[in-house]
PDB file of N, CA and C in Angstrom:
ATOM      1  N   MET A   1     113.512  64.993  72.269  1.00  0.00           N
ATOM      2  CA  MET A   1     113.269  63.490  71.520  1.00  0.00           C
ATOM      3  C   MET A   1     114.092  62.627  71.705  1.00  0.00           C
ATOM      4  N   ARG A   2     113.742  61.245  72.025  1.00  0.00           N
ATOM      5  CA  ARG A   2     114.157  59.953  72.357  1.00  0.00           C
ATOM      6  C   ARG A   2     114.299  59.247  71.191  1.00  0.00           C
ATOM      7  N   SER A   3     114.721  58.513  70.759  1.00  0.00           N
ATOM      8  CA  SER A   3     115.599  57.409  69.320  1.00  0.00           C
ATOM      9  C   SER A   3     115.478  56.049  69.832  1.00  0.00           C
ATOM     10  N   VAL A   4     114.850  55.326  68.595  1.00  0.00           N
ATOM     11  CA  VAL A   4     115.067  53.827  68.600  1.00  0.00           C
ATOM     12  C   VAL A   4     115.479  53.504  67.349  1.00  0.00           C
ATOM     13  N   THR A   5     116.722  52.452  67.358  1.00  0.00           N
ATOM     14  CA  THR A   5     116.928  51.979  66.215  1.00  0.00           C
ATOM     15  C   THR A   5     116.334  50.578  65.857  1.00  0.00           C
ATOM     16  N   VAL A   6     115.647  50.967  64.390  1.00  0.00           N
ATOM     17  CA  VAL A   6     115.099  49.616  64.183  1.00  0.00           C
ATOM     18  C   VAL A   6     116.135  48.754  62.966  1.00  0.00           C
ATOM     19  N   GLU A   7     115.784  47.647  63.084  1.00  0.00           N
ATOM     20  CA  GLU A   7     116.790  46.922  61.602  1.00  0.00           C
ATOM     21  C   GLU A   7     115.159  46.551  61.187  1.00  0.00           C
ATOM     22  N   LEU A   8     115.385  46.335  59.905  1.00  0.00           N
ATOM     23  CA  LEU A   8     114.349  46.257  58.552  1.00  0.00           C
ATOM     24  C   LEU A   8     114.755  45.198  57.968  1.00  0.00           C
ATOM     25  N   PRO A   9     114.067  44.213  57.637  1.00  0.00           N
ATOM     26  CA  PRO A   9     114.185  43.169  56.213  1.00  0.00           C
ATOM     27  C   PRO A   9     114.269  44.068  54.891  1.00  0.00           C
ATOM     28  N   ALA A  10     115.192  43.771  54.167  1.00  0.00           N
ATOM     29  CA  ALA A  10     114.643  44.948  52.886  1.00  0.00           C
ATOM     30  C   ALA A  10     113.577  44.883  52.111  1.00  0.00           C
ATOM     31  N   GLU A  11     113.109  44.161  52.352  1.00  0.00           N
ATOM     32  CA  GLU A  11     111.740  43.973  51.722  1.00  0.00           C
ATOM     33  C   GLU A  11     110.633  45.217  52.363  1.00  0.00           C
ATOM     34  N   LEU A  12     110.507  45.464  53.698  1.00  0.00           N
ATOM     35  CA  LEU A  12     109.958  45.809  54.512  1.00  0.00           C
ATOM     36  C   LEU A  12     110.828  47.090  54.284  1.00  0.00           C
ATOM     37  N   PHE A  13     111.716  47.031  54.765  1.00  0.00           N
ATOM     38  CA  PHE A  13     112.097  48.747  53.987  1.00  0.00           C
ATOM     39  C   PHE A  13     112.462  49.488  52.853  1.00  0.00           C
ATOM     40  N   ALA A  14     111.894  49.068  51.749  1.00  0.00           N
ATOM     41  CA  ALA A  14     111.662  49.192  50.617  1.00  0.00           C
ATOM     42  C   ALA A  14     110.317  50.049  50.499  1.00  0.00           C
ATOM     43  N   GLU A  15     109.483  48.836  51.379  1.00  0.00           N
ATOM     44  CA  GLU A  15     108.135  49.129  51.329  1.00  0.00           C
ATOM     45  C   GLU A  15     107.666  50.498  51.991  1.00  0.00           C
ATOM     46  N   LEU A  16     109.018  50.330  52.971  1.00  0.00           N
ATOM     47  CA  LEU A  16     108.753  51.546  54.532  1.00  0.00           C
ATOM     48  C   LEU A  16     108.973  52.905  53.129  1.00  0.00           C
ATOM     49  N   GLU A  17     110.161  52.666  52.263  1.00  0.00           N
ATOM     50  CA  GLU A  17     110.458  53.614  51.539  1.00  0.00           C
ATOM     51  C   GLU A  17     109.126  54.758  50.048  1.00  0.00           C
ATOM     52  N   LYS A  18     108.854  53.794  49.791  1.00  0.00           N
ATOM     53  CA  LYS A  18     107.667  53.841  49.041  1.00  0.00           C
ATOM     54  C   LYS A  18     106.560  54.343  50.092  1.00  0.00           C
ATOM     55  N   ALA A  19     106.129  53.543  50.892  1.00  0.00           N
ATOM     56  CA  ALA A  19     104.687  54.571  51.960  1.00  0.00           C
ATOM     57  C   ALA A  19     105.366  55.620  52.184  1.00  0.00           C
ATOM     58  N   THR A  20     106.318  56.293  52.316  1.00  0.00           N
ATOM     59  CA  THR A  20     107.007  57.447  52.710  1.00  0.00           C
ATOM     60  C   THR A  20     106.455  58.469  51.459  1.00  0.00           C
ATOM     61  N   GLN A  21     107.186  57.994  50.149  1.00  0.00           N
ATOM     62  CA  GLN A  21     106.639  59.389  49.518  1.00  0.00           C
ATOM     63  C   GLN A  21     105.375  58.916  48.822  1.00  0.00           C
ATOM     64  N   ASP A  22     105.204  58.116  48.805  1.00  0.00           N
ATOM     65  CA  ASP A  22     103.436  57.628  48.392  1.00  0.00           C
ATOM     66  C   ASP A  22     102.556  58.366  49.330  1.00  0.00           C
ATOM     67  N   GLY A  23     102.568  59.137  50.977  1.00  0.00           N
ATOM     68  CA  GLY A  23     102.141  58.907  51.951  1.00  0.00           C
ATOM     69  C   GLY A  23     102.205  60.667  51.858  1.00  0.00           C
ATOM     70  N   GLY A  24     103.432  61.130  51.420  1.00  0.00           N
ATOM     71  CA  GLY A  24     104.020  62.595  51.522  1.00  0.00           C
ATOM     72  C   GLY A  24     103.905  62.748  52.502  1.00  0.00           C
ATOM     73  N   PHE A  25     105.111  61.630  52.797  1.00  0.00           N
ATOM     74  CA  PHE A  25     106.260  61.876  54.246  1.00  0.00           C
ATOM     75  C   PHE A  25     107.282  62.667  54.066  1.00  0.00           C
ATOM     76  N   ARG A  26     107.911  63.419  54.948  1.00  0.00           N
ATOM     77  CA  ARG A  26     109.066  64.123  54.708  1.00  0.00           C
ATOM     78  C   ARG A  26     110.211  63.192  54.762  1.00  0.00           C
ATOM     79  N   SER A  27     110.041  61.751  55.463  1.00  0.00           N
ATOM     80  CA  SER A  27     111.121  60.950  55.848  1.00  0.00           C
ATOM     81  C   SER A  27     110.791  59.799  56.457  1.00  0.00           C
ATOM     82  N   ALA A  28     110.968  59.006  56.247  1.00  0.00           N
ATOM     83  CA  ALA A  28     110.556  57.382  56.349  1.00  0.00           C
ATOM     84  C   ALA A  28     110.595  57.503  58.323  1.00  0.00           C
ATOM     85  N   GLU A  29     111.475  58.883  59.050  1.00  0.00           N
ATOM     86  CA  GLU A  29     111.367  58.786  60.358  1.00  0.00           C
ATOM     87  C   GLU A  29     109.884  59.100  60.558  1.00  0.00           C
ATOM     88  N   ASP A  30     109.573  60.025  59.650  1.00  0.00           N
ATOM     89  CA  ASP A  30     108.291  61.062  60.197  1.00  0.00           C
ATOM     90  C   ASP A  30     106.988  59.408  59.930  1.00  0.00           C
ATOM     91  N   PHE A  31     107.553  58.595  58.792  1.00  0.00           N
ATOM     92  CA  PHE A  31     106.167  57.985  58.619  1.00  0.00           C
ATOM     93  C   PHE A  31     106.126  56.680  59.895  1.00  0.00           C
ATOM     94  N   VAL A  32     107.340  56.872  59.968  1.00  0.00           N
ATOM     95  CA  VAL A  32     107.398  55.272  61.397  1.00  0.00           C
ATOM     96  C   VAL A  32     106.772  56.205  62.938  1.00  0.00           C
ATOM     97  N   ARG A  33     106.854  57.321  62.874  1.00  0.00           N
ATOM     98  CA  ARG A  33     105.952  57.924  64.303  1.00  0.00           C
ATOM     99  C   ARG A  33     104.437  57.976  63.990  1.00  0.00           C
ATOM    100  N   CYS A  34     104.504  58.523  62.850  1.00  0.00           N
ATOM    101  CA  CYS A  34     103.062  58.328  62.603  1.00  0.00           C
ATOM    102  C   CYS A  34     102.250  56.754  63.110  1.00  0.00           C
ATOM    103  N   ALA A  35     103.169  56.079  62.221  1.00  0.00           N
ATOM    104  CA  ALA A  35     102.705  54.360  62.304  1.00  0.00           C
ATOM    105  C   ALA A  35     102.623  53.901  63.948  1.00  0.00           C
ATOM    106  N   VAL A  36     103.433  54.402  64.345  1.00  0.00           N
ATOM    107  CA  VAL A  36     103.717  54.172  65.584  1.00  0.00           C
ATOM    108  C   VAL A  36     102.590  54.876  66.283  1.00  0.00           C
ATOM    109  N   ALA A  37     102.405  55.881  66.680  1.00  0.00           N
ATOM    110  CA  ALA A  37     101.203  56.447  67.142  1.00  0.00           C
ATOM    111  C   ALA A  37      99.935  56.327  66.586  1.00  0.00           C
ATOM    112  N   GLU A  38      99.814  55.469  65.459  1.00  0.00           N
ATOM    113  CA  GLU A  38      97.706  54.989  64.837  1.00  0.00           C
ATOM    114  C   GLU A  38      98.376  53.912  65.745  1.00  0.00           C
ATOM    115  N   LYS A  39      99.365  53.041  65.983  1.00  0.00           N
ATOM    116  CA  LYS A  39      99.242  51.518  66.502  1.00  0.00           C
ATOM    117  C   LYS A  39      99.143  52.165  68.297  1.00  0.00           C
ATOM    118  N   LEU A  40      99.680  52.640  68.643  1.00  0.00           N
ATOM    119  CA  LEU A  40      99.542  52.567  70.130  1.00  0.00           C
ATOM    120  C   LEU A  40      97.761  53.540  70.521  1.00  0.00           C
ATOM    121  N   HIS A  41      97.243  54.322  69.360  1.00  0.00           N
ATOM    122  CA  HIS A  41      96.095  54.557  69.180  1.00  0.00           C
ATOM    123  C   HIS A  41      95.062  53.519  69.723  1.00  0.00           C
ATOM    124  N   GLU A  42      95.709  52.154  68.432  1.00  0.00           N
ATOM    125  CA  GLU A  42      94.849  51.101  68.349  1.00  0.00           C
ATOM    126  C   GLU A  42      94.505  50.457  69.251  1.00  0.00           C
ATOM    127  N   GLN A  43      95.867  50.385  69.914  1.00  0.00           N
ATOM    128  CA  GLN A  43      96.076  49.481  70.971  1.00  0.00           C
ATOM    129  C   GLN A  43      95.234  50.056  72.220  1.00  0.00           C
ATOM    130  N   ARG A  44      95.378  51.540  72.442  1.00  0.00           N
ATOM    131  CA  ARG A  44      93.960  52.055  73.577  1.00  0.00           C
ATOM    132  C   ARG A  44      92.725  52.065  73.215  1.00  0.00           C
ATOM    133  N   ARG A  45      92.558  52.115  72.155  1.00  0.00           N
ATOM    134  CA  ARG A  45      91.163  51.876  71.691  1.00  0.00           C
ATOM    135  C   ARG A  45      91.489  50.302  72.191  1.00  0.00           C
ATOM    136  N   GLY A  46      91.355  49.778  71.675  1.00  0.00           N
ATOM    137  CA  GLY A  46      91.098  48.251  72.086  1.00  0.00           C
ATOM    138  C   GLY A  46      90.919  47.931  73.386  1.00  0.00           C
ATOM    139  N   LEU A  47      91.714  48.247  74.449  1.00  0.00           N
ATOM    140  CA  LEU A  47      91.644  48.566  75.922  1.00  0.00           C
ATOM    141  C   LEU A  47      89.806  48.967  76.107  1.00  0.00           C
ATOM    142  N   VAL A  48      89.590  50.481  75.725  1.00  0.00           N
ATOM    143  CA  VAL A  48      88.632  50.665  76.283  1.00  0.00           C
ATOM    144  C   VAL A  48      87.768  49.761  75.434  1.00  0.00           C
ATOM    145  N   TYR A  49      87.643  49.380  74.676  1.00  0.00           N
ATOM    146  CA  TYR A  49      86.525  48.752  73.701  1.00  0.00           C
ATOM    147  C   TYR A  49      86.645  47.061  74.910  1.00  0.00           C
ATOM    148  N   ASP A  50      87.705  46.817  75.221  1.00  0.00           N
ATOM    149  CA  ASP A  50      87.341  44.803  76.383  1.00  0.00           C
ATOM    150  C   ASP A  50      86.709  45.862  77.334  1.00  0.00           C
ATOM    151  N   THR A  51      87.028  46.994  78.097  1.00  0.00           N
ATOM    152  CA  THR A  51      86.505  47.638  79.784  1.00  0.00           C
ATOM    153  C   THR A  51      85.001  47.785  79.331  1.00  0.00           C
ATOM    154  N   VAL A  52      84.601  48.469  78.342  1.00  0.00           N
ATOM    155  CA  VAL A  52      82.998  48.520  78.172  1.00  0.00           C
ATOM    156  C   VAL A  52      82.641  46.761  78.081  1.00  0.00           C
ATOM    157  N   ASP A  53      83.230  46.341  77.460  1.00  0.00           N
ATOM    158  CA  ASP A  53      82.553  44.674  77.066  1.00  0.00           C
ATOM    159  C   ASP A  53      82.489  44.167  78.857  1.00  0.00           C
ATOM    160  N   ARG A  54      83.196  44.454  79.379  1.00  0.00           N
ATOM    161  CA  ARG A  54      83.154  43.694  80.827  1.00  0.00           C
ATOM    162  C   ARG A  54      82.089  44.409  81.579  1.00  0.00           C
ATOM    163  N   ILE A  55      82.364  46.133  81.414  1.00  0.00           N
ATOM    164  CA  ILE A  55      81.245  46.606  82.033  1.00  0.00           C
ATOM    165  C   ILE A  55      79.557  46.273  81.699  1.00  0.00           C
ATOM    166  N   LYS A  56      79.312  45.943  80.220  1.00  0.00           N
ATOM    167  CA  LYS A  56      78.373  45.661  79.683  1.00  0.00           C
ATOM    168  C   LYS A  56      78.105  44.002  80.222  1.00  0.00           C
ATOM    169  N   GLN A  57      79.045  43.429  80.066  1.00  0.00           N
ATOM    170  CA  GLN A  57      78.844  41.551  81.015  1.00  0.00           C
ATOM    171  C   GLN A  57      78.486  41.920  82.257  1.00  0.00           C
ATOM    172  N   GLY A  58      79.115  43.043  82.785  1.00  0.00           N
ATOM    173  CA  GLY A  58      78.105  42.996  84.297  1.00  0.00           C
ATOM    174  C   GLY A  58      77.181  43.528  84.730  1.00  0.00           C
ATOM    175  N   LEU A  59      76.746  44.315  83.784  1.00  0.00           N
ATOM    176  CA  LEU A  59      75.351  44.967  83.744  1.00  0.00           C
ATOM    177  C   LEU A  59      74.503  43.970  83.725  1.00  0.00           C
ATOM    178  N   ALA A  60      74.827  43.068  82.213  1.00  0.00           N
ATOM    179  CA  ALA A  60      73.913  41.478  82.290  1.00  0.00           C
ATOM    180  C   ALA A  60      73.447  41.021  82.948  1.00  0.00           C
ATOM    181  N   GLU A  61      74.589  40.908  83.851  1.00  0.00           N
ATOM    182  CA  GLU A  61      74.607  39.534  85.070  1.00  0.00           C
ATOM    183  C   GLU A  61      73.687  39.876  85.973  1.00  0.00           C
ATOM    184  N   ARG A  62      73.495  41.877  86.269  1.00  0.00           N
ATOM    185  CA  ARG A  62      72.419  41.608  87.143  1.00  0.00           C
ATOM    186  C   ARG A  62      71.323  42.038  86.898  1.00  0.00           C
ATOM    187  N   GLY A  63      71.045  42.147  85.432  1.00  0.00           N
ATOM    188  CA  GLY A  63      69.706  42.459  84.864  1.00  0.00           C
ATOM    189  C   GLY A  63      69.543  43.499  84.134  1.00  0.00           C
ATOM    190  N   HIS A  64      70.789  44.418  84.620  1.00  0.00           N
ATOM    191  CA  HIS A  64      70.207  45.709  83.443  1.00  0.00           C
ATOM    192  C   HIS A  64      70.575  45.536  81.445  1.00  0.00           C
ATOM    193  N   THR A  65      70.276  46.098  81.183  1.00  0.00           N
ATOM    194  CA  THR A  65      70.182  46.232  79.625  1.00  0.00           C
ATOM    195  C   THR A  65      70.819  47.546  79.607  1.00  0.00           C
ATOM    196  N   PRO A  66      71.515  48.201  78.065  1.00  0.00           N
ATOM    197  CA  PRO A  66      72.350  48.976  77.920  1.00  0.00           C
ATOM    198  C   PRO A  66      71.439  50.346  77.774  1.00  0.00           C
ATOM    199  N   HIS A  67      69.952  49.874  77.023  1.00  0.00           N
ATOM    200  CA  HIS A  67      68.812  50.763  76.977  1.00  0.00           C
ATOM    201  C   HIS A  67      68.855  51.884  78.024  1.00  0.00           C
ATOM    202  N   GLU A  68      68.697  51.062  79.353  1.00  0.00           N
ATOM    203  CA  GLU A  68      68.182  51.136  80.963  1.00  0.00           C
ATOM    204  C   GLU A  68      69.478  52.115  81.384  1.00  0.00           C
ATOM    205  N   ILE A  69      70.787  51.650  81.145  1.00  0.00           N
ATOM    206  CA  ILE A  69      72.273  52.948  81.346  1.00  0.00           C
ATOM    207  C   ILE A  69      71.831  53.849  80.684  1.00  0.00           C
ATOM    208  N   LEU A  70      71.682  54.132  79.666  1.00  0.00           N
ATOM    209  CA  LEU A  70      71.966  55.183  78.674  1.00  0.00           C
ATOM    210  C   LEU A  70      70.795  56.187  79.104  1.00  0.00           C
ATOM    211  N   GLU A  71      69.531  55.164  79.474  1.00  0.00           N
ATOM    212  CA  GLU A  71      68.295  56.279  80.394  1.00  0.00           C
ATOM    213  C   GLU A  71      68.621  57.164  81.409  1.00  0.00           C
ATOM    214  N   GLU A  72      69.363  56.184  82.058  1.00  0.00           N
ATOM    215  CA  GLU A  72      69.575  57.051  83.622  1.00  0.00           C
ATOM    216  C   GLU A  72      70.794  57.852  83.492  1.00  0.00           C
ATOM    217  N   PHE A  73      71.826  57.693  82.011  1.00  0.00           N
ATOM    218  CA  PHE A  73      72.667  58.525  82.158  1.00  0.00           C
ATOM    219  C   PHE A  73      72.203  59.848  81.543  1.00  0.00           C
ATOM    220  N   GLU A  74      70.979  59.888  80.685  1.00  0.00           N
ATOM    221  CA  GLU A  74      70.498  61.040  79.710  1.00  0.00           C
ATOM    222  C   GLU A  74      70.257  61.885  81.494  1.00  0.00           C
ATOM    223  N   ARG A  75      69.315  60.587  82.056  1.00  0.00           N
ATOM    224  CA  ARG A  75      68.377  61.599  83.577  1.00  0.00           C
ATOM    225  C   ARG A  75      69.623  62.404  84.089  1.00  0.00           C
ATOM    226  N   PHE A  76      70.703  61.886  84.878  1.00  0.00           N
ATOM    227  CA  PHE A  76      71.698  62.187  85.210  1.00  0.00           C
ATOM    228  C   PHE A  76      72.282  63.099  84.737  1.00  0.00           C
ATOM    229  N   ARG A  77      72.522  63.361  83.693  1.00  0.00           N
ATOM    230  CA  ARG A  77      73.263  64.425  82.495  1.00  0.00           C
ATOM    231  C   ARG A  77      72.399  65.577  82.960  1.00  0.00           C
ATOM    232  N   HIS A  78      70.899  65.845  82.327  1.00  0.00           N
ATOM    233  CA  HIS A  78      69.687  67.191  82.817  1.00  0.00           C
ATOM    234  C   HIS A  78      69.733  66.990  83.670  1.00  0.00           C
ATOM    235  N   ASP A  79      69.994  66.462  85.260  1.00  0.00           N
ATOM    236  CA  ASP A  79      69.793  67.049  86.290  1.00  0.00           C
ATOM    237  C   ASP A  79      70.829  68.027  86.689  1.00  0.00           C
ATOM    238  N   ASP A  80      72.147  66.927  86.316  1.00  0.00           N
ATOM    239  CA  ASP A  80      73.112  68.166  86.809  1.00  0.00           C
ATOM    240  C   ASP A  80      73.710  68.955  85.845  1.00  0.00           C
ATOM    241  N   ARG A  81      72.816  69.350  84.730  1.00  0.00           N
ATOM    242  CA  ARG A  81      72.930  70.823  84.189  1.00  0.00           C
ATOM    243  C   ARG A  81      72.132  71.887  84.957  1.00  0.00           C
ATOM    244  N   ARG A  82      71.382  71.338  85.931  1.00  0.00           N
ATOM    245  CA  ARG A  82      69.980  71.893  86.679  1.00  0.00           C
ATOM    246  C   ARG A  82      71.252  72.933  87.621  1.00  0.00           C
ATOM    247  N   GLY A  83      71.986  72.348  87.892  1.00  0.00           N
ATOM    248  CA  GLY A  83      73.151  72.633  88.962  1.00  0.00           C
ATOM    249  C   GLY A  83      72.598  72.125  90.418  1.00  0.00           C
TER     250      GLY A  83
END
C-alpha cells in the first residue's frame, strides 16, 4: 500500500477523530481511505453525468429525443438476444 501524509488544522483533526469513533471506523486512516474512495467515486460519477449531458445535447441538436434513443436501444438489445 502507498501512503500520503496530510497535515490538518486542529479543528478538522478533532472532527476527524469524532467521525472516526461515531462512524465505527477502526482508525482515522480507515476513515480517510473511505472518504477518499467516496470522493473519487463522486468525481467519476460527475464525469459520467457530464458525458451524458454532452451526448444528450448532441442528440437534441440532431433532432433526436431521449425517448427515441431508448426505444432504439431496447430494439437493439432485444434483437441482439436472438443472436
